[in-house]
Amino acid sequence: MIDCFTAIDFETAQGYRWSICQVGLVRVEHGIVTKEINLLVQPPDNYYCAKFIDIHGITPRKTLYEPTFDKVWHIIEPFIKDQIVVAHNGLSFDFPVLNKTLEYYGMQAPDYEKQCRYRIFKDNLASLCNYYKIHLNHHDALSDAKACAELFLIHLRNK
């Protein structure tokens, strides 16, 4: 049985998968949240597409003095490398975003087990949070990661 995992979510500044501007991460051990990480990250050239700003509200001004992803990877990597990692749209978005970003910075992607919440529940995050009465500030990476962790715990309890 799975008893430890990391839930993760990324927000991007534009359509390119390597343009991470926010990282939300929640570590769960034995059913208890033991760590939360919320990082704003400066995307390459601090460039944003307006429609992405409309989605998550993160602007170039907010990330102007934030570190780039390669400078924060050492904080995130221990929670991903050789771990079970859950993301609400992991296979279509979050896992490719991580891989493309690491590739952009010339860094090696670690081995980890991927769990996609969407493949488990077959519904969108907002609908599931509404159904299960889980607080969600949608498109805030930490809020999305927290919701994903709670949903995965529900899944594990119902297995």
C-alpha atoms as a PDB file:
ATOM      1  CA  MET A   1       0.000   0.000   0.000  1.00  0.00           C
ATOM      2  CA  ILE A   2       1.156   3.538  -0.756  1.00  0.00           C
ATOM      3  CA  ASP A   3       1.829   5.382   2.455  1.00  0.00           C
ATOM      4  CA  CYS A   4       4.145   8.209   1.367  1.00  0.00           C
ATOM      5  CA  PHE A   5       3.896  10.427  -1.695  1.00  0.00           C
ATOM      6  CA  THR A   6       4.455  13.900  -3.068  1.00  0.00           C
ATOM      7  CA  ALA A   7       1.688  15.913  -4.725  1.00  0.00           C
ATOM      8  CA  ILE A   8       2.934  18.557  -7.127  1.00  0.00           C
ATOM      9  CA  ASP A   9       1.524  21.259  -9.357  1.00  0.00           C
ATOM     10  CA  PHE A  10       3.088  23.738 -11.761  1.00  0.00           C
ATOM     11  CA  GLU A  11       1.840  26.978 -13.235  1.00  0.00           C
ATOM     12  CA  THR A  12       3.449  28.162 -16.464  1.00  0.00           C
ATOM     13  CA  ALA A  13       4.001  31.620 -17.886  1.00  0.00           C
ATOM     14  CA  GLN A  14       3.184  30.680 -21.467  1.00  0.00           C
ATOM     15  CA  GLY A  15       2.408  27.732 -23.724  1.00  0.00           C
ATOM     16  CA  TYR A  16       5.942  26.378 -23.647  1.00  0.00           C
ATOM     17  CA  ARG A  17       6.201  23.527 -21.179  1.00  0.00           C
ATOM     18  CA  TRP A  18       9.532  24.843 -19.855  1.00  0.00           C
ATOM     19  CA  SER A  19       8.076  28.139 -18.610  1.00  0.00           C
ATOM     20  CA  ILE A  20       7.366  27.277 -14.962  1.00  0.00           C
ATOM     21  CA  CYS A  21       6.481  30.343 -12.888  1.00  0.00           C
ATOM     22  CA  GLN A  22       5.129  28.653  -9.734  1.00  0.00           C
ATOM     23  CA  VAL A  23       5.747  25.341  -7.989  1.00  0.00           C
ATOM     24  CA  GLY A  24       3.383  23.903  -5.386  1.00  0.00           C
ATOM     25  CA  LEU A  25       4.470  20.765  -3.567  1.00  0.00           C
ATOM     26  CA  VAL A  26       2.921  18.793  -0.712  1.00  0.00           C
ATOM     27  CA  ARG A  27       4.661  15.856   0.950  1.00  0.00           C
ATOM     28  CA  VAL A  28       2.453  13.261   2.660  1.00  0.00           C
ATOM     29  CA  GLU A  29       3.878  10.613   4.974  1.00  0.00           C
ATOM     30  CA  HIS A  30       1.673   8.020   6.642  1.00  0.00           C
ATOM     31  CA  GLY A  31      -1.418  10.028   5.698  1.00  0.00           C
ATOM     32  CA  ILE A  32      -0.149  13.298   7.214  1.00  0.00           C
ATOM     33  CA  VAL A  33       1.092  16.377   5.376  1.00  0.00           C
ATOM     34  CA  THR A  34       4.696  16.829   6.512  1.00  0.00           C
ATOM     35  CA  LYS A  35       5.916  19.522   4.128  1.00  0.00           C
ATOM     36  CA  GLU A  36       4.492  22.229   1.878  1.00  0.00           C
ATOM     37  CA  ILE A  37       6.552  24.200  -0.615  1.00  0.00           C
ATOM     38  CA  ASN A  38       5.257  27.207  -2.518  1.00  0.00           C
ATOM     39  CA  LEU A  39       7.771  28.850  -4.861  1.00  0.00           C
ATOM     40  CA  LEU A  40       7.476  31.603  -7.391  1.00  0.00           C
ATOM     41  CA  VAL A  41      10.002  31.011 -10.153  1.00  0.00           C
ATOM     42  CA  GLN A  42      11.214  33.373 -12.838  1.00  0.00           C
ATOM     43  CA  PRO A  43      10.499  31.776 -16.225  1.00  0.00           C
ATOM     44  CA  PRO A  44      13.046  32.192 -19.058  1.00  0.00           C
ATOM     45  CA  ASP A  45      13.420  35.889 -19.914  1.00  0.00           C
ATOM     46  CA  ASN A  46      10.604  36.511 -17.385  1.00  0.00           C
ATOM     47  CA  TYR A  47       8.262  36.392 -20.369  1.00  0.00           C
ATOM     48  CA  TYR A  48       4.522  35.820 -19.878  1.00  0.00           C
ATOM     49  CA  CYS A  49       1.632  35.361 -22.272  1.00  0.00           C
ATOM     50  CA  ALA A  50      -1.388  37.471 -21.223  1.00  0.00           C
ATOM     51  CA  LYS A  51      -3.842  34.563 -21.286  1.00  0.00           C
ATOM     52  CA  PHE A  52      -1.715  32.691 -18.742  1.00  0.00           C
ATOM     53  CA  ILE A  53      -1.620  35.734 -16.461  1.00  0.00           C
ATOM     54  CA  ASP A  54      -5.440  35.771 -16.698  1.00  0.00           C
ATOM     55  CA  ILE A  55      -5.516  32.127 -15.564  1.00  0.00           C
ATOM     56  CA  HIS A  56      -3.220  32.262 -12.525  1.00  0.00           C
ATOM     57  CA  GLY A  57      -2.619  35.953 -11.844  1.00  0.00           C
ATOM     58  CA  ILE A  58       1.175  35.654 -11.750  1.00  0.00           C
ATOM     59  CA  THR A  59       2.870  38.534 -13.575  1.00  0.00           C
ATOM     60  CA  PRO A  60       6.421  39.380 -14.662  1.00  0.00           C
ATOM     61  CA  ARG A  61       6.569  41.921 -11.830  1.00  0.00           C
ATOM     62  CA  LYS A  62       5.881  39.164  -9.255  1.00  0.00           C
ATOM     63  CA  THR A  63       8.731  36.982 -10.538  1.00  0.00           C
ATOM     64  CA  LEU A  64      11.228  39.696 -11.549  1.00  0.00           C
ATOM     65  CA  TYR A  65      13.512  39.020  -8.579  1.00  0.00           C
ATOM     66  CA  GLU A  66      12.667  35.340  -8.076  1.00  0.00           C
ATOM     67  CA  PRO A  67      15.207  32.597  -8.856  1.00  0.00           C
ATOM     68  CA  THR A  68      15.021  30.585 -12.056  1.00  0.00           C
ATOM     69  CA  PHE A  69      14.000  26.934 -11.888  1.00  0.00           C
ATOM     70  CA  ASP A  70      17.564  25.624 -12.055  1.00  0.00           C
ATOM     71  CA  LYS A  71      18.315  27.561  -8.841  1.00  0.00           C
ATOM     72  CA  VAL A  72      15.438  25.975  -6.887  1.00  0.00           C
ATOM     73  CA  TRP A  73      15.593  22.437  -8.269  1.00  0.00           C
ATOM     74  CA  HIS A  74      17.765  21.293  -5.329  1.00  0.00           C
ATOM     75  CA  ILE A  75      14.866  22.187  -2.990  1.00  0.00           C
ATOM     76  CA  ILE A  76      12.301  20.232  -5.005  1.00  0.00           C
ATOM     77  CA  GLU A  77      14.294  17.238  -6.194  1.00  0.00           C
ATOM     78  CA  PRO A  78      14.416  15.284  -2.886  1.00  0.00           C
ATOM     79  CA  PHE A  79      10.604  15.194  -2.878  1.00  0.00           C
ATOM     80  CA  ILE A  80      10.489  13.794  -6.425  1.00  0.00           C
ATOM     81  CA  LYS A  81      13.541  11.584  -6.958  1.00  0.00           C
ATOM     82  CA  ASP A  82      12.664   7.921  -6.350  1.00  0.00           C
ATOM     83  CA  GLN A  83       9.291   8.947  -4.902  1.00  0.00           C
ATOM     84  CA  ILE A  84       5.653   8.420  -5.802  1.00  0.00           C
ATOM     85  CA  VAL A  85       4.561  11.722  -7.320  1.00  0.00           C
ATOM     86  CA  VAL A  86       0.909  12.627  -7.833  1.00  0.00           C
ATOM     87  CA  ALA A  87      -0.362  15.457 -10.013  1.00  0.00           C
ATOM     88  CA  HIS A  88      -3.944  16.270 -10.942  1.00  0.00           C
ATOM     89  CA  ASN A  89      -3.230  16.289 -14.684  1.00  0.00           C
ATOM     90  CA  GLY A  90       0.180  14.720 -14.414  1.00  0.00           C
ATOM     91  CA  LEU A  91       0.507  12.696 -17.568  1.00  0.00           C
ATOM     92  CA  SER A  92      -0.773  15.450 -19.851  1.00  0.00           C
ATOM     93  CA  PHE A  93       0.711  18.497 -18.117  1.00  0.00           C
ATOM     94  CA  ASP A  94       2.738  18.455 -14.888  1.00  0.00           C
ATOM     95  CA  PHE A  95       5.141  15.592 -15.625  1.00  0.00           C
ATOM     96  CA  PRO A  96       5.924  16.826 -19.165  1.00  0.00           C
ATOM     97  CA  VAL A  97       6.358  20.366 -17.753  1.00  0.00           C
ATOM     98  CA  LEU A  98       8.917  19.099 -15.255  1.00  0.00           C
ATOM     99  CA  ASN A  99      10.785  17.093 -17.891  1.00  0.00           C
ATOM    100  CA  LYS A 100      10.824  19.941 -20.443  1.00  0.00           C
ATOM    101  CA  THR A 101      11.974  22.450 -17.822  1.00  0.00           C
ATOM    102  CA  LEU A 102      14.808  20.216 -16.653  1.00  0.00           C
ATOM    103  CA  GLU A 103      15.765  19.638 -20.289  1.00  0.00           C
ATOM    104  CA  TYR A 104      15.698  23.410 -20.953  1.00  0.00           C
ATOM    105  CA  TYR A 105      18.226  23.931 -18.149  1.00  0.00           C
ATOM    106  CA  GLY A 106      20.345  20.944 -19.200  1.00  0.00           C
ATOM    107  CA  MET A 107      19.452  18.943 -16.114  1.00  0.00           C
ATOM    108  CA  GLN A 108      18.704  15.243 -15.803  1.00  0.00           C
ATOM    109  CA  ALA A 109      15.137  14.171 -14.949  1.00  0.00           C
ATOM    110  CA  PRO A 110      15.093  11.840 -11.929  1.00  0.00           C
ATOM    111  CA  ASP A 111      13.368   8.503 -11.757  1.00  0.00           C
ATOM    112  CA  TYR A 112      10.024   8.601  -9.971  1.00  0.00           C
ATOM    113  CA  GLU A 113       6.652   6.854 -10.049  1.00  0.00           C
ATOM    114  CA  LYS A 114       3.987   8.949 -11.743  1.00  0.00           C
ATOM    115  CA  GLN A 115       0.383   8.920 -10.518  1.00  0.00           C
ATOM    116  CA  CYS A 116      -2.169  10.979 -12.443  1.00  0.00           C
ATOM    117  CA  ARG A 117      -5.167  12.053 -10.361  1.00  0.00           C
ATOM    118  CA  TYR A 118      -7.244  12.674 -13.492  1.00  0.00           C
ATOM    119  CA  ARG A 119      -6.752   9.071 -14.628  1.00  0.00           C
ATOM    120  CA  ILE A 120      -7.908   7.886 -11.198  1.00  0.00           C
ATOM    121  CA  PHE A 121     -11.018  10.061 -10.777  1.00  0.00           C
ATOM    122  CA  LYS A 122     -11.763  10.925 -14.430  1.00  0.00           C
ATOM    123  CA  ASP A 123     -13.022  14.401 -13.545  1.00  0.00           C
ATOM    124  CA  ASN A 124     -11.537  17.873 -13.280  1.00  0.00           C
ATOM    125  CA  LEU A 125      -9.997  19.221 -10.110  1.00  0.00           C
ATOM    126  CA  ALA A 126     -12.578  21.951  -9.454  1.00  0.00           C
ATOM    127  CA  SER A 127     -15.528  19.540  -9.748  1.00  0.00           C
ATOM    128  CA  LEU A 128     -13.904  16.985  -7.477  1.00  0.00           C
ATOM    129  CA  CYS A 129     -13.030  19.604  -4.866  1.00  0.00           C
ATOM    130  CA  ASN A 130     -16.613  20.826  -4.927  1.00  0.00           C
ATOM    131  CA  TYR A 131     -17.948  17.272  -4.560  1.00  0.00           C
ATOM    132  CA  TYR A 132     -15.572  16.329  -1.714  1.00  0.00           C
ATOM    133  CA  LYS A 133     -15.771  19.780  -0.030  1.00  0.00           C
ATOM    134  CA  ILE A 134     -12.042  20.441  -0.455  1.00  0.00           C
ATOM    135  CA  HIS A 135     -10.905  24.070  -0.389  1.00  0.00           C
ATOM    136  CA  LEU A 136      -9.425  25.141  -3.738  1.00  0.00           C
ATOM    137  CA  ASN A 137      -7.947  28.388  -4.986  1.00  0.00           C
ATOM    138  CA  HIS A 138      -7.702  26.998  -8.501  1.00  0.00           C
ATOM    139  CA  HIS A 139      -4.523  27.718 -10.453  1.00  0.00           C
ATOM    140  CA  ASP A 140      -2.555  28.566  -7.362  1.00  0.00           C
ATOM    141  CA  ALA A 141       0.055  25.798  -7.526  1.00  0.00           C
ATOM    142  CA  LEU A 142       0.151  25.117  -3.773  1.00  0.00           C
ATOM    143  CA  SER A 143      -3.641  25.052  -3.483  1.00  0.00           C
ATOM    144  CA  ASP A 144      -3.879  22.687  -6.463  1.00  0.00           C
ATOM    145  CA  ALA A 145      -1.176  20.426  -4.974  1.00  0.00           C
ATOM    146  CA  LYS A 146      -2.944  20.369  -1.586  1.00  0.00           C
ATOM    147  CA  ALA A 147      -6.233  19.441  -3.251  1.00  0.00           C
ATOM    148  CA  CYS A 148      -4.513  16.756  -5.278  1.00  0.00           C
ATOM    149  CA  ALA A 149      -2.969  15.307  -2.106  1.00  0.00           C
ATOM    150  CA  GLU A 150      -6.354  15.242  -0.348  1.00  0.00           C
ATOM    151  CA  LEU A 151      -7.986  13.544  -3.340  1.00  0.00           C
ATOM    152  CA  PHE A 152      -5.224  10.957  -3.555  1.00  0.00           C
ATOM    153  CA  LEU A 153      -5.655  10.206   0.156  1.00  0.00           C
ATOM    154  CA  ILE A 154      -9.381   9.691  -0.469  1.00  0.00           C
ATOM    155  CA  HIS A 155      -8.494   7.317  -3.311  1.00  0.00           C
ATOM    156  CA  LEU A 156      -6.083   5.355  -1.094  1.00  0.00           C
ATOM    157  CA  ARG A 157      -8.661   5.028   1.694  1.00  0.00           C
ATOM    158  CA  ASN A 158     -11.277   3.733  -0.749  1.00  0.00           C
ATOM    159  CA  LYS A 159      -9.040   1.146  -2.410  1.00  0.00           C
END
